[in-house]
């Protein structure tokens, strides 16, 4: 039986983009993955278009950018606990269409599992 997935963050921007949006081959609806980074940020990874030796196309997973601090604080504890999420790209603005490139993602999961109880402390 699968857990019900509901939208947790319907459209959240990525900050600190690491890819050239127009050349990455990203599309709305593409899947992405979240991972905790060593500096306590949450990075979003997706398959981007690359050419090996300029001839052979392949799609390695690359860091697109980071979740905003508010979104990361919501997702990080559940991500650390191993909770599954479904992440999709829902908005793209390439470099030539706006003042700054943008990538927006939606994050779906079980909202009940986001509420991780604090550890119990023994009282004397």
Protein backbone atom coordinates (compact mmCIF):
# COMPACT_ATOMS: atom_id res chain seq x y z
CA UNK A 1 0.00 0.00 0.00
CA UNK A 2 1.36 3.38 -0.97
CA UNK A 3 1.23 6.41 1.27
CA UNK A 4 -0.91 9.26 -0.05
CA UNK A 5 1.11 12.10 -1.51
CA UNK A 6 -0.17 15.63 -1.21
CA UNK A 7 1.43 18.92 -2.22
CA UNK A 8 3.74 20.21 0.48
CA UNK A 9 5.24 23.07 -1.52
CA UNK A 10 3.26 23.75 -4.67
CA UNK A 11 5.74 26.13 -6.32
CA UNK A 12 8.99 27.07 -4.66
CA UNK A 13 11.96 28.76 -6.38
CA UNK A 14 15.49 27.45 -6.38
CA UNK A 15 18.27 29.82 -5.35
CA UNK A 16 21.91 29.73 -6.40
CA UNK A 17 21.29 28.09 -9.78
CA UNK A 18 24.21 25.94 -10.93
CA UNK A 19 23.09 25.31 -14.54
CA UNK A 20 22.44 27.37 -17.64
CA UNK A 21 18.66 26.95 -17.79
CA UNK A 22 18.34 27.44 -21.55
CA UNK A 23 21.03 24.84 -22.35
CA UNK A 24 20.17 22.25 -19.68
CA UNK A 25 17.32 20.66 -21.62
CA UNK A 26 14.92 20.93 -18.70
CA UNK A 27 11.17 20.82 -19.25
CA UNK A 28 8.18 21.48 -17.07
CA UNK A 29 7.13 18.16 -15.57
CA UNK A 30 10.64 16.70 -15.37
CA UNK A 31 11.44 14.71 -12.24
CA UNK A 32 14.00 15.92 -9.74
CA UNK A 33 15.53 14.64 -6.51
CA UNK A 34 16.36 16.31 -3.21
CA UNK A 35 19.48 15.65 -1.17
CA UNK A 36 20.92 17.08 2.01
CA UNK A 37 24.22 18.82 1.39
CA UNK A 38 27.09 18.96 3.91
CA UNK A 39 26.38 22.64 4.65
CA UNK A 40 22.83 21.77 5.86
CA UNK A 41 21.17 23.06 2.68
CA UNK A 42 18.81 20.99 0.53
CA UNK A 43 20.00 20.62 -3.06
CA UNK A 44 17.73 19.75 -5.98
CA UNK A 45 19.20 17.46 -8.65
CA UNK A 46 17.83 16.67 -12.12
CA UNK A 47 19.00 15.08 -15.35
CA UNK A 48 20.44 17.75 -17.66
CA UNK A 49 21.41 17.52 -21.31
CA UNK A 50 25.13 17.15 -22.03
CA UNK A 51 27.05 15.96 -25.07
CA UNK A 52 29.96 13.57 -24.57
CA UNK A 53 32.82 14.56 -26.91
CA UNK A 54 30.40 16.94 -28.56
CA UNK A 55 28.62 14.08 -30.32
CA UNK A 56 26.96 11.64 -27.94
CA UNK A 57 24.08 12.99 -25.87
CA UNK A 58 23.68 11.82 -22.29
CA UNK A 59 21.76 13.11 -19.28
CA UNK A 60 23.76 13.08 -16.03
CA UNK A 61 22.23 14.16 -12.72
CA UNK A 62 23.46 17.63 -11.77
CA UNK A 63 22.76 20.06 -8.98
CA UNK A 64 20.24 22.61 -10.24
CA UNK A 65 20.19 24.81 -7.15
CA UNK A 66 19.15 25.00 -3.51
CA UNK A 67 15.79 25.27 -1.82
CA UNK A 68 15.12 28.55 -0.05
CA UNK A 69 15.93 28.47 3.68
CA UNK A 70 12.25 28.32 4.66
CA UNK A 71 11.51 25.41 2.32
CA UNK A 72 14.70 23.62 3.36
CA UNK A 73 13.81 23.86 7.06
CA UNK A 74 10.45 22.24 6.30
CA UNK A 75 11.83 19.41 4.16
CA UNK A 76 15.24 18.66 5.74
CA UNK A 77 14.11 16.73 8.86
CA UNK A 78 11.86 14.41 6.84
CA UNK A 79 14.55 14.01 4.17
CA UNK A 80 17.04 13.09 6.89
CA UNK A 81 14.56 10.50 8.21
CA UNK A 82 14.33 8.96 4.73
CA UNK A 83 10.81 10.02 3.84
CA UNK A 84 10.00 9.78 0.12
CA UNK A 85 9.15 12.89 -1.89
CA UNK A 86 8.00 13.44 -5.46
CA UNK A 87 9.64 16.53 -6.92
CA UNK A 88 8.76 18.00 -10.31
CA UNK A 89 9.90 21.07 -12.20
CA UNK A 90 6.88 23.37 -12.52
CA UNK A 91 8.38 26.64 -13.72
CA UNK A 92 11.29 27.67 -15.94
CA UNK A 93 12.51 31.07 -17.06
CA UNK A 94 15.58 30.83 -19.32
CA UNK A 95 18.26 33.49 -19.35
CA UNK A 96 17.03 35.12 -22.57
CA UNK A 97 13.43 35.58 -21.36
CA UNK A 98 13.90 37.48 -18.12
CA UNK A 99 16.27 39.55 -16.04
CA UNK A 100 17.36 36.42 -14.13
CA UNK A 101 16.94 32.72 -14.86
CA UNK A 102 14.48 30.89 -12.62
CA UNK A 103 13.60 27.31 -11.82
CA UNK A 104 10.58 26.45 -9.65
CA UNK A 105 9.78 23.00 -8.25
CA UNK A 106 6.83 21.39 -6.52
CA UNK A 107 7.35 18.94 -3.70
CA UNK A 108 4.80 16.27 -2.87
CA UNK A 109 4.86 13.93 0.09
CA UNK A 110 2.94 12.77 3.12
CA UNK A 111 2.37 15.90 5.24
CA UNK A 112 1.78 13.78 8.36
CA UNK A 113 5.37 12.55 8.18
CA UNK A 114 6.77 16.07 8.12
CA UNK A 115 5.79 16.46 11.76
CA UNK A 116 8.65 14.52 13.29
CA UNK A 117 8.22 14.47 17.08
CA UNK A 118 11.07 15.88 19.16
CA UNK A 119 13.12 13.36 21.13
CA UNK A 120 11.84 12.61 24.62
CA UNK A 121 13.95 13.86 27.49
CA UNK A 122 13.98 12.29 30.91
CA UNK A 123 12.83 14.59 33.69
CA UNK A 124 14.13 14.16 37.21
